[in-house]
Amino acid sequence: MTISLSGERSVAVAHSSGFAASVRRHFAQIRADKARMKALKTLLEYDEFRLDDLGICRQDVLDALAHRAPAGQFLAFRRSARAAR
């Protein structure tokens, strides 16, 4: 291990903490993706009238499932586009 100055961490420690942060971010992304899928699948269980009250349709939800864009932003865009008609 090489330490540059007396108060600095070694390069090996800095690298391992970077790896740990990377692993934490990866698992956080997996949890976020699962929550997103669960929320969108819940929307698919709604009937057409309830979806219409929300300003979206079933195809909007299916499209949100197919895209990697944030679902909230995607559905808000579709809702505003439908309202502008």
PDB file of N, CA and C in Angstrom:
ATOM      1  N   MET A   1       0.841  -1.170   0.000  1.00  0.00           N
ATOM      2  CA  MET A   1       0.000   0.000   0.000  1.00  0.00           C
ATOM      3  C   MET A   1       0.889   1.236   0.000  1.00  0.00           C
ATOM      4  N   THR A   2       0.472   2.194  -0.800  1.00  0.00           N
ATOM      5  CA  THR A   2       1.225   3.432  -0.861  1.00  0.00           C
ATOM      6  C   THR A   2       0.380   4.565  -0.313  1.00  0.00           C
ATOM      7  N   ILE A   3       0.946   5.321   0.589  1.00  0.00           N
ATOM      8  CA  ILE A   3       0.249   6.478   1.148  1.00  0.00           C
ATOM      9  C   ILE A   3       1.043   7.717   0.741  1.00  0.00           C
ATOM     10  N   SER A   4       0.369   8.633   0.068  1.00  0.00           N
ATOM     11  CA  SER A   4       1.067   9.811  -0.429  1.00  0.00           C
ATOM     12  C   SER A   4       1.419  10.772   0.683  1.00  0.00           C
ATOM     13  N   LEU A   5       0.460  11.165   1.475  1.00  0.00           N
ATOM     14  CA  LEU A   5       0.690  12.084   2.584  1.00  0.00           C
ATOM     15  C   LEU A   5       0.189  11.436   3.863  1.00  0.00           C
ATOM     16  N   SER A   6       0.573  11.976   4.975  1.00  0.00           N
ATOM     17  CA  SER A   6       0.267  11.335   6.246  1.00  0.00           C
ATOM     18  C   SER A   6      -1.227  11.190   6.521  1.00  0.00           C
ATOM     19  N   GLY A   7      -2.072  12.084   6.047  1.00  0.00           N
ATOM     20  CA  GLY A   7      -3.498  12.005   6.348  1.00  0.00           C
ATOM     21  C   GLY A   7      -4.337  11.383   5.259  1.00  0.00           C
ATOM     22  N   GLU A   8      -3.741  10.986   4.146  1.00  0.00           N
ATOM     23  CA  GLU A   8      -4.512  10.460   3.017  1.00  0.00           C
ATOM     24  C   GLU A   8      -4.728   8.955   3.134  1.00  0.00           C
ATOM     25  N   ARG A   9      -5.829   8.523   2.524  1.00  0.00           N
ATOM     26  CA  ARG A   9      -6.070   7.086   2.452  1.00  0.00           C
ATOM     27  C   ARG A   9      -5.214   6.503   1.341  1.00  0.00           C
ATOM     28  N   SER A  10      -4.979   5.233   1.421  1.00  0.00           N
ATOM     29  CA  SER A  10      -4.197   4.587   0.368  1.00  0.00           C
ATOM     30  C   SER A  10      -5.044   4.443  -0.885  1.00  0.00           C
ATOM     31  N   VAL A  11      -4.394   4.237  -1.990  1.00  0.00           N
ATOM     32  CA  VAL A  11      -5.077   4.049  -3.269  1.00  0.00           C
ATOM     33  C   VAL A  11      -5.958   2.806  -3.218  1.00  0.00           C
ATOM     34  N   ALA A  12      -5.497   1.759  -2.566  1.00  0.00           N
ATOM     35  CA  ALA A  12      -6.270   0.520  -2.474  1.00  0.00           C
ATOM     36  C   ALA A  12      -7.570   0.736  -1.707  1.00  0.00           C
ATOM     37  N   VAL A  13      -7.542   1.504  -0.645  1.00  0.00           N
ATOM     38  CA  VAL A  13      -8.747   1.774   0.138  1.00  0.00           C
ATOM     39  C   VAL A  13      -9.715   2.618  -0.671  1.00  0.00           C
ATOM     40  N   ALA A  14      -9.201   3.617  -1.371  1.00  0.00           N
ATOM     41  CA  ALA A  14     -10.062   4.470  -2.187  1.00  0.00           C
ATOM     42  C   ALA A  14     -10.729   3.658  -3.282  1.00  0.00           C
ATOM     43  N   HIS A  15     -10.006   2.747  -3.890  1.00  0.00           N
ATOM     44  CA  HIS A  15     -10.561   1.912  -4.961  1.00  0.00           C
ATOM     45  C   HIS A  15     -11.637   0.973  -4.417  1.00  0.00           C
ATOM     46  N   SER A  16     -11.395   0.362  -3.268  1.00  0.00           N
ATOM     47  CA  SER A  16     -12.371  -0.579  -2.733  1.00  0.00           C
ATOM     48  C   SER A  16     -13.650   0.139  -2.303  1.00  0.00           C
ATOM     49  N   SER A  17     -13.539   1.354  -1.780  1.00  0.00           N
ATOM     50  CA  SER A  17     -14.758   2.074  -1.406  1.00  0.00           C
ATOM     51  C   SER A  17     -15.521   2.507  -2.646  1.00  0.00           C
ATOM     52  N   GLY A  18     -14.811   2.811  -3.729  1.00  0.00           N
ATOM     53  CA  GLY A  18     -15.466   3.135  -4.991  1.00  0.00           C
ATOM     54  C   GLY A  18     -16.231   1.932  -5.528  1.00  0.00           C
ATOM     55  N   PHE A  19     -15.645   0.765  -5.368  1.00  0.00           N
ATOM     56  CA  PHE A  19     -16.306  -0.464  -5.800  1.00  0.00           C
ATOM     57  C   PHE A  19     -17.555  -0.722  -4.966  1.00  0.00           C
ATOM     58  N   ALA A  20     -17.442  -0.521  -3.647  1.00  0.00           N
ATOM     59  CA  ALA A  20     -18.590  -0.732  -2.764  1.00  0.00           C
ATOM     60  C   ALA A  20     -19.716   0.234  -3.105  1.00  0.00           C
ATOM     61  N   ALA A  21     -19.371   1.477  -3.399  1.00  0.00           N
ATOM     62  CA  ALA A  21     -20.395   2.460  -3.780  1.00  0.00           C
ATOM     63  C   ALA A  21     -21.044   2.062  -5.090  1.00  0.00           C
ATOM     64  N   SER A  22     -20.256   1.542  -5.998  1.00  0.00           N
ATOM     65  CA  SER A  22     -20.790   1.088  -7.288  1.00  0.00           C
ATOM     66  C   SER A  22     -21.776  -0.066  -7.096  1.00  0.00           C
ATOM     67  N   VAL A  23     -21.437  -0.991  -6.228  1.00  0.00           N
ATOM     68  CA  VAL A  23     -22.326  -2.128  -5.945  1.00  0.00           C
ATOM     69  C   VAL A  23     -23.621  -1.635  -5.293  1.00  0.00           C
ATOM     70  N   ARG A  24     -23.485  -0.685  -4.338  1.00  0.00           N
ATOM     71  CA  ARG A  24     -24.689  -0.129  -3.693  1.00  0.00           C
ATOM     72  C   ARG A  24     -25.586   0.564  -4.706  1.00  0.00           C
ATOM     73  N   ARG A  25     -24.994   1.337  -5.615  1.00  0.00           N
ATOM     74  CA  ARG A  25     -25.793   2.011  -6.658  1.00  0.00           C
ATOM     75  C   ARG A  25     -26.488   1.007  -7.559  1.00  0.00           C
ATOM     76  N   HIS A  26     -25.791  -0.065  -7.887  1.00  0.00           N
ATOM     77  CA  HIS A  26     -26.367  -1.105  -8.746  1.00  0.00           C
ATOM     78  C   HIS A  26     -27.606  -1.732  -8.091  1.00  0.00           C
ATOM     79  N   PHE A  27     -27.485  -2.094  -6.823  1.00  0.00           N
ATOM     80  CA  PHE A  27     -28.620  -2.698  -6.132  1.00  0.00           C
ATOM     81  C   PHE A  27     -29.743  -1.694  -5.890  1.00  0.00           C
ATOM     82  N   ALA A  28     -29.396  -0.434  -5.683  1.00  0.00           N
ATOM     83  CA  ALA A  28     -30.428   0.601  -5.547  1.00  0.00           C
ATOM     84  C   ALA A  28     -31.192   0.752  -6.855  1.00  0.00           C
ATOM     85  N   GLN A  29     -30.487   0.664  -7.980  1.00  0.00           N
ATOM     86  CA  GLN A  29     -31.153   0.751  -9.284  1.00  0.00           C
ATOM     87  C   GLN A  29     -32.070  -0.441  -9.503  1.00  0.00           C
ATOM     88  N   ILE A  30     -31.645  -1.610  -9.085  1.00  0.00           N
ATOM     89  CA  ILE A  30     -32.489  -2.806  -9.213  1.00  0.00           C
ATOM     90  C   ILE A  30     -33.763  -2.639  -8.385  1.00  0.00           C
ATOM     91  N   ARG A  31     -33.622  -2.135  -7.138  1.00  0.00           N
ATOM     92  CA  ARG A  31     -34.810  -1.906  -6.300  1.00  0.00           C
ATOM     93  C   ARG A  31     -35.740  -0.870  -6.934  1.00  0.00           C
ATOM     94  N   ALA A  32     -35.174   0.186  -7.496  1.00  0.00           N
ATOM     95  CA  ALA A  32     -35.990   1.224  -8.137  1.00  0.00           C
ATOM     96  C   ALA A  32     -36.720   0.669  -9.360  1.00  0.00           C
ATOM     97  N   ASP A  33     -36.030  -0.162 -10.140  1.00  0.00           N
ATOM     98  CA  ASP A  33     -36.662  -0.772 -11.310  1.00  0.00           C
ATOM     99  C   ASP A  33     -37.815  -1.687 -10.904  1.00  0.00           C
ATOM    100  N   LYS A  34     -37.623  -2.445  -9.836  1.00  0.00           N
ATOM    101  CA  LYS A  34     -38.691  -3.341  -9.362  1.00  0.00           C
ATOM    102  C   LYS A  34     -39.900  -2.532  -8.881  1.00  0.00           C
ATOM    103  N   ALA A  35     -39.646  -1.441  -8.165  1.00  0.00           N
ATOM    104  CA  ALA A  35     -40.743  -0.595  -7.688  1.00  0.00           C
ATOM    105  C   ALA A  35     -41.485   0.031  -8.857  1.00  0.00           C
ATOM    106  N   ARG A  36     -40.750   0.450  -9.874  1.00  0.00           N
ATOM    107  CA  ARG A  36     -41.364   1.032 -11.077  1.00  0.00           C
ATOM    108  C   ARG A  36     -42.267   0.012 -11.773  1.00  0.00           C
ATOM    109  N   MET A  37     -41.752  -1.201 -11.935  1.00  0.00           N
ATOM    110  CA  MET A  37     -42.533  -2.254 -12.594  1.00  0.00           C
ATOM    111  C   MET A  37     -43.792  -2.573 -11.789  1.00  0.00           C
ATOM    112  N   LYS A  38     -43.667  -2.624 -10.475  1.00  0.00           N
ATOM    113  CA  LYS A  38     -44.821  -2.928  -9.629  1.00  0.00           C
ATOM    114  C   LYS A  38     -45.881  -1.839  -9.765  1.00  0.00           C
ATOM    115  N   ALA A  39     -45.448  -0.576  -9.766  1.00  0.00           N
ATOM    116  CA  ALA A  39     -46.401   0.530  -9.886  1.00  0.00           C
ATOM    117  C   ALA A  39     -47.106   0.501 -11.242  1.00  0.00           C
ATOM    118  N   LEU A  40     -46.361   0.245 -12.300  1.00  0.00           N
ATOM    119  CA  LEU A  40     -46.976   0.213 -13.627  1.00  0.00           C
ATOM    120  C   LEU A  40     -47.910  -0.984 -13.781  1.00  0.00           C
ATOM    121  N   LYS A  41     -47.526  -2.117 -13.212  1.00  0.00           N
ATOM    122  CA  LYS A  41     -48.406  -3.291 -13.279  1.00  0.00           C
ATOM    123  C   LYS A  41     -49.678  -3.062 -12.471  1.00  0.00           C
ATOM    124  N   THR A  42     -49.582  -2.307 -11.385  1.00  0.00           N
ATOM    125  CA  THR A  42     -50.776  -1.946 -10.627  1.00  0.00           C
ATOM    126  C   THR A  42     -51.701  -1.080 -11.469  1.00  0.00           C
ATOM    127  N   LEU A  43     -51.126  -0.150 -12.227  1.00  0.00           N
ATOM    128  CA  LEU A  43     -51.940   0.678 -13.121  1.00  0.00           C
ATOM    129  C   LEU A  43     -52.651  -0.170 -14.180  1.00  0.00           C
ATOM    130  N   LEU A  44     -52.002  -1.226 -14.624  1.00  0.00           N
ATOM    131  CA  LEU A  44     -52.634  -2.101 -15.626  1.00  0.00           C
ATOM    132  C   LEU A  44     -53.855  -2.815 -15.063  1.00  0.00           C
ATOM    133  N   GLU A  45     -53.931  -2.946 -13.742  1.00  0.00           N
ATOM    134  CA  GLU A  45     -55.085  -3.599 -13.130  1.00  0.00           C
ATOM    135  C   GLU A  45     -56.302  -2.673 -13.060  1.00  0.00           C
ATOM    136  N   TYR A  46     -56.080  -1.369 -13.229  1.00  0.00           N
ATOM    137  CA  TYR A  46     -57.195  -0.414 -13.181  1.00  0.00           C
ATOM    138  C   TYR A  46     -58.099  -0.602 -14.388  1.00  0.00           C
ATOM    139  N   ASP A  47     -59.393  -0.279 -14.217  1.00  0.00           N
ATOM    140  CA  ASP A  47     -60.288  -0.342 -15.362  1.00  0.00           C
ATOM    141  C   ASP A  47     -60.123   0.921 -16.211  1.00  0.00           C
ATOM    142  N   GLU A  48     -60.708   0.892 -17.407  1.00  0.00           N
ATOM    143  CA  GLU A  48     -60.547   1.995 -18.358  1.00  0.00           C
ATOM    144  C   GLU A  48     -61.060   3.322 -17.805  1.00  0.00           C
ATOM    145  N   PHE A  49     -62.132   3.281 -17.035  1.00  0.00           N
ATOM    146  CA  PHE A  49     -62.704   4.513 -16.488  1.00  0.00           C
ATOM    147  C   PHE A  49     -61.757   5.182 -15.495  1.00  0.00           C
ATOM    148  N   ARG A  50     -61.126   4.367 -14.663  1.00  0.00           N
ATOM    149  CA  ARG A  50     -60.195   4.930 -13.676  1.00  0.00           C
ATOM    150  C   ARG A  50     -58.945   5.492 -14.359  1.00  0.00           C
ATOM    151  N   LEU A  51     -58.461   4.766 -15.373  1.00  0.00           N
ATOM    152  CA  LEU A  51     -57.320   5.273 -16.129  1.00  0.00           C
ATOM    153  C   LEU A  51     -57.678   6.579 -16.837  1.00  0.00           C
ATOM    154  N   ASP A  52     -58.897   6.639 -17.357  1.00  0.00           N
ATOM    155  CA  ASP A  52     -59.347   7.862 -18.022  1.00  0.00           C
ATOM    156  C   ASP A  52     -59.424   9.022 -17.028  1.00  0.00           C
ATOM    157  N   ASP A  53     -59.833   8.736 -15.806  1.00  0.00           N
ATOM    158  CA  ASP A  53     -59.837   9.769 -14.766  1.00  0.00           C
ATOM    159  C   ASP A  53     -58.425  10.298 -14.496  1.00  0.00           C
ATOM    160  N   LEU A  54     -57.439   9.428 -14.639  1.00  0.00           N
ATOM    161  CA  LEU A  54     -56.047   9.829 -14.455  1.00  0.00           C
ATOM    162  C   LEU A  54     -55.481  10.539 -15.680  1.00  0.00           C
ATOM    163  N   GLY A  55     -56.228  10.490 -16.789  1.00  0.00           N
ATOM    164  CA  GLY A  55     -55.793  11.159 -18.012  1.00  0.00           C
ATOM    165  C   GLY A  55     -54.890  10.316 -18.891  1.00  0.00           C
ATOM    166  N   ILE A  56     -54.877   9.010 -18.645  1.00  0.00           N
ATOM    167  CA  ILE A  56     -54.053   8.106 -19.449  1.00  0.00           C
ATOM    168  C   ILE A  56     -54.908   6.942 -19.925  1.00  0.00           C
ATOM    169  N   CYS A  57     -54.349   6.134 -20.806  1.00  0.00           N
ATOM    170  CA  CYS A  57     -55.038   4.924 -21.251  1.00  0.00           C
ATOM    171  C   CYS A  57     -54.107   3.728 -21.036  1.00  0.00           C
ATOM    172  N   ARG A  58     -54.633   2.559 -21.254  1.00  0.00           N
ATOM    173  CA  ARG A  58     -53.869   1.338 -21.021  1.00  0.00           C
ATOM    174  C   ARG A  58     -52.614   1.292 -21.911  1.00  0.00           C
ATOM    175  N   GLN A  59     -52.732   1.781 -23.148  1.00  0.00           N
ATOM    176  CA  GLN A  59     -51.580   1.773 -24.051  1.00  0.00           C
ATOM    177  C   GLN A  59     -50.458   2.671 -23.533  1.00  0.00           C
ATOM    178  N   ASP A  60     -50.813   3.765 -22.876  1.00  0.00           N
ATOM    179  CA  ASP A  60     -49.800   4.633 -22.274  1.00  0.00           C
ATOM    180  C   ASP A  60     -48.999   3.869 -21.220  1.00  0.00           C
ATOM    181  N   VAL A  61     -49.684   3.079 -20.429  1.00  0.00           N
ATOM    182  CA  VAL A  61     -49.012   2.303 -19.379  1.00  0.00           C
ATOM    183  C   VAL A  61     -48.118   1.234 -20.012  1.00  0.00           C
ATOM    184  N   LEU A  62     -48.624   0.582 -21.055  1.00  0.00           N
ATOM    185  CA  LEU A  62     -47.811  -0.427 -21.744  1.00  0.00           C
ATOM    186  C   LEU A  62     -46.575   0.201 -22.379  1.00  0.00           C
ATOM    187  N   ASP A  63     -46.739   1.392 -22.957  1.00  0.00           N
ATOM    188  CA  ASP A  63     -45.595   2.096 -23.537  1.00  0.00           C
ATOM    189  C   ASP A  63     -44.593   2.493 -22.458  1.00  0.00           C
ATOM    190  N   ALA A  64     -45.079   2.904 -21.291  1.00  0.00           N
ATOM    191  CA  ALA A  64     -44.196   3.263 -20.183  1.00  0.00           C
ATOM    192  C   ALA A  64     -43.409   2.040 -19.707  1.00  0.00           C
ATOM    193  N   LEU A  65     -44.034   0.878 -19.740  1.00  0.00           N
ATOM    194  CA  LEU A  65     -43.329  -0.355 -19.377  1.00  0.00           C
ATOM    195  C   LEU A  65     -42.220  -0.662 -20.377  1.00  0.00           C
ATOM    196  N   ALA A  66     -42.446  -0.340 -21.648  1.00  0.00           N
ATOM    197  CA  ALA A  66     -41.474  -0.668 -22.696  1.00  0.00           C
ATOM    198  C   ALA A  66     -40.296   0.299 -22.732  1.00  0.00           C
ATOM    199  N   HIS A  67     -40.473   1.519 -22.237  1.00  0.00           N
ATOM    200  CA  HIS A  67     -39.417   2.523 -22.289  1.00  0.00           C
ATOM    201  C   HIS A  67     -38.635   2.559 -20.984  1.00  0.00           C
ATOM    202  N   ARG A  68     -37.390   2.987 -21.083  1.00  0.00           N
ATOM    203  CA  ARG A  68     -36.553   3.113 -19.888  1.00  0.00           C
ATOM    204  C   ARG A  68     -36.662   4.497 -19.259  1.00  0.00           C
ATOM    205  N   ALA A  69     -37.408   5.385 -19.890  1.00  0.00           N
ATOM    206  CA  ALA A  69     -37.580   6.734 -19.352  1.00  0.00           C
ATOM    207  C   ALA A  69     -38.338   6.650 -18.029  1.00  0.00           C
ATOM    208  N   PRO A  70     -38.154   7.636 -17.153  1.00  0.00           N
ATOM    209  CA  PRO A  70     -38.924   7.643 -15.901  1.00  0.00           C
ATOM    210  C   PRO A  70     -40.428   7.605 -16.195  1.00  0.00           C
ATOM    211  N   ALA A  71     -41.109   6.651 -15.602  1.00  0.00           N
ATOM    212  CA  ALA A  71     -42.519   6.414 -15.914  1.00  0.00           C
ATOM    213  C   ALA A  71     -43.385   7.623 -15.600  1.00  0.00           C
ATOM    214  N   GLY A  72     -43.118   8.303 -14.506  1.00  0.00           N
ATOM    215  CA  GLY A  72     -43.916   9.463 -14.129  1.00  0.00           C
ATOM    216  C   GLY A  72     -43.851  10.556 -15.178  1.00  0.00           C
ATOM    217  N   GLN A  73     -42.654  10.838 -15.657  1.00  0.00           N
ATOM    218  CA  GLN A  73     -42.492  11.853 -16.688  1.00  0.00           C
ATOM    219  C   GLN A  73     -43.144  11.414 -17.988  1.00  0.00           C
ATOM    220  N   PHE A  74     -42.984  10.152 -18.330  1.00  0.00           N
ATOM    221  CA  PHE A  74     -43.553   9.620 -19.562  1.00  0.00           C
ATOM    222  C   PHE A  74     -45.079   9.721 -19.547  1.00  0.00           C
ATOM    223  N   LEU A  75     -45.680   9.292 -18.443  1.00  0.00           N
ATOM    224  CA  LEU A  75     -47.138   9.338 -18.338  1.00  0.00           C
ATOM    225  C   LEU A  75     -47.649  10.778 -18.251  1.00  0.00           C
ATOM    226  N   ALA A  76     -46.907  11.656 -17.611  1.00  0.00           N
ATOM    227  CA  ALA A  76     -47.302  13.065 -17.537  1.00  0.00           C
ATOM    228  C   ALA A  76     -47.287  13.688 -18.932  1.00  0.00           C
ATOM    229  N   PHE A  77     -46.296  13.327 -19.744  1.00  0.00           N
ATOM    230  CA  PHE A  77     -46.242  13.819 -21.112  1.00  0.00           C
ATOM    231  C   PHE A  77     -47.446  13.332 -21.913  1.00  0.00           C
ATOM    232  N   ARG A  78     -47.762  12.055 -21.781  1.00  0.00           N
ATOM    233  CA  ARG A  78     -48.919  11.510 -22.501  1.00  0.00           C
ATOM    234  C   ARG A  78     -50.219  12.167 -22.027  1.00  0.00           C
ATOM    235  N   ARG A  79     -50.325  12.387 -20.717  1.00  0.00           N
ATOM    236  CA  ARG A  79     -51.525  13.026 -20.154  1.00  0.00           C
ATOM    237  C   ARG A  79     -51.684  14.441 -20.701  1.00  0.00           C
ATOM    238  N   SER A  80     -50.579  15.197 -20.747  1.00  0.00           N
ATOM    239  CA  SER A  80     -50.673  16.577 -21.234  1.00  0.00           C
ATOM    240  C   SER A  80     -50.937  16.613 -22.728  1.00  0.00           C
ATOM    241  N   ALA A  81     -50.375  15.662 -23.477  1.00  0.00           N
ATOM    242  CA  ALA A  81     -50.643  15.596 -24.906  1.00  0.00           C
ATOM    243  C   ALA A  81     -52.109  15.274 -25.177  1.00  0.00           C
ATOM    244  N   ARG A  82     -52.681  14.384 -24.369  1.00  0.00           N
ATOM    245  CA  ARG A  82     -54.084  14.034 -24.535  1.00  0.00           C
ATOM    246  C   ARG A  82     -54.978  15.196 -24.141  1.00  0.00           C
ATOM    247  N   ALA A  83     -54.606  15.958 -23.128  1.00  0.00           N
ATOM    248  CA  ALA A  83     -55.408  17.103 -22.676  1.00  0.00           C
ATOM    249  C   ALA A  83     -55.379  18.245 -23.689  1.00  0.00           C
ATOM    250  N   ALA A  84     -54.289  18.326 -24.447  1.00  0.00           N
ATOM    251  CA  ALA A  84     -54.155  19.407 -25.431  1.00  0.00           C
ATOM    252  C   ALA A  84     -55.037  19.181 -26.663  1.00  0.00           C
ATOM    253  N   ARG A  85     -55.540  17.999 -26.850  1.00  0.00           N
ATOM    254  CA  ARG A  85     -56.383  17.700 -28.026  1.00  0.00           C
ATOM    255  C   ARG A  85     -57.709  18.370 -27.938  1.00  0.00           C
TER     256      ARG A  85
END
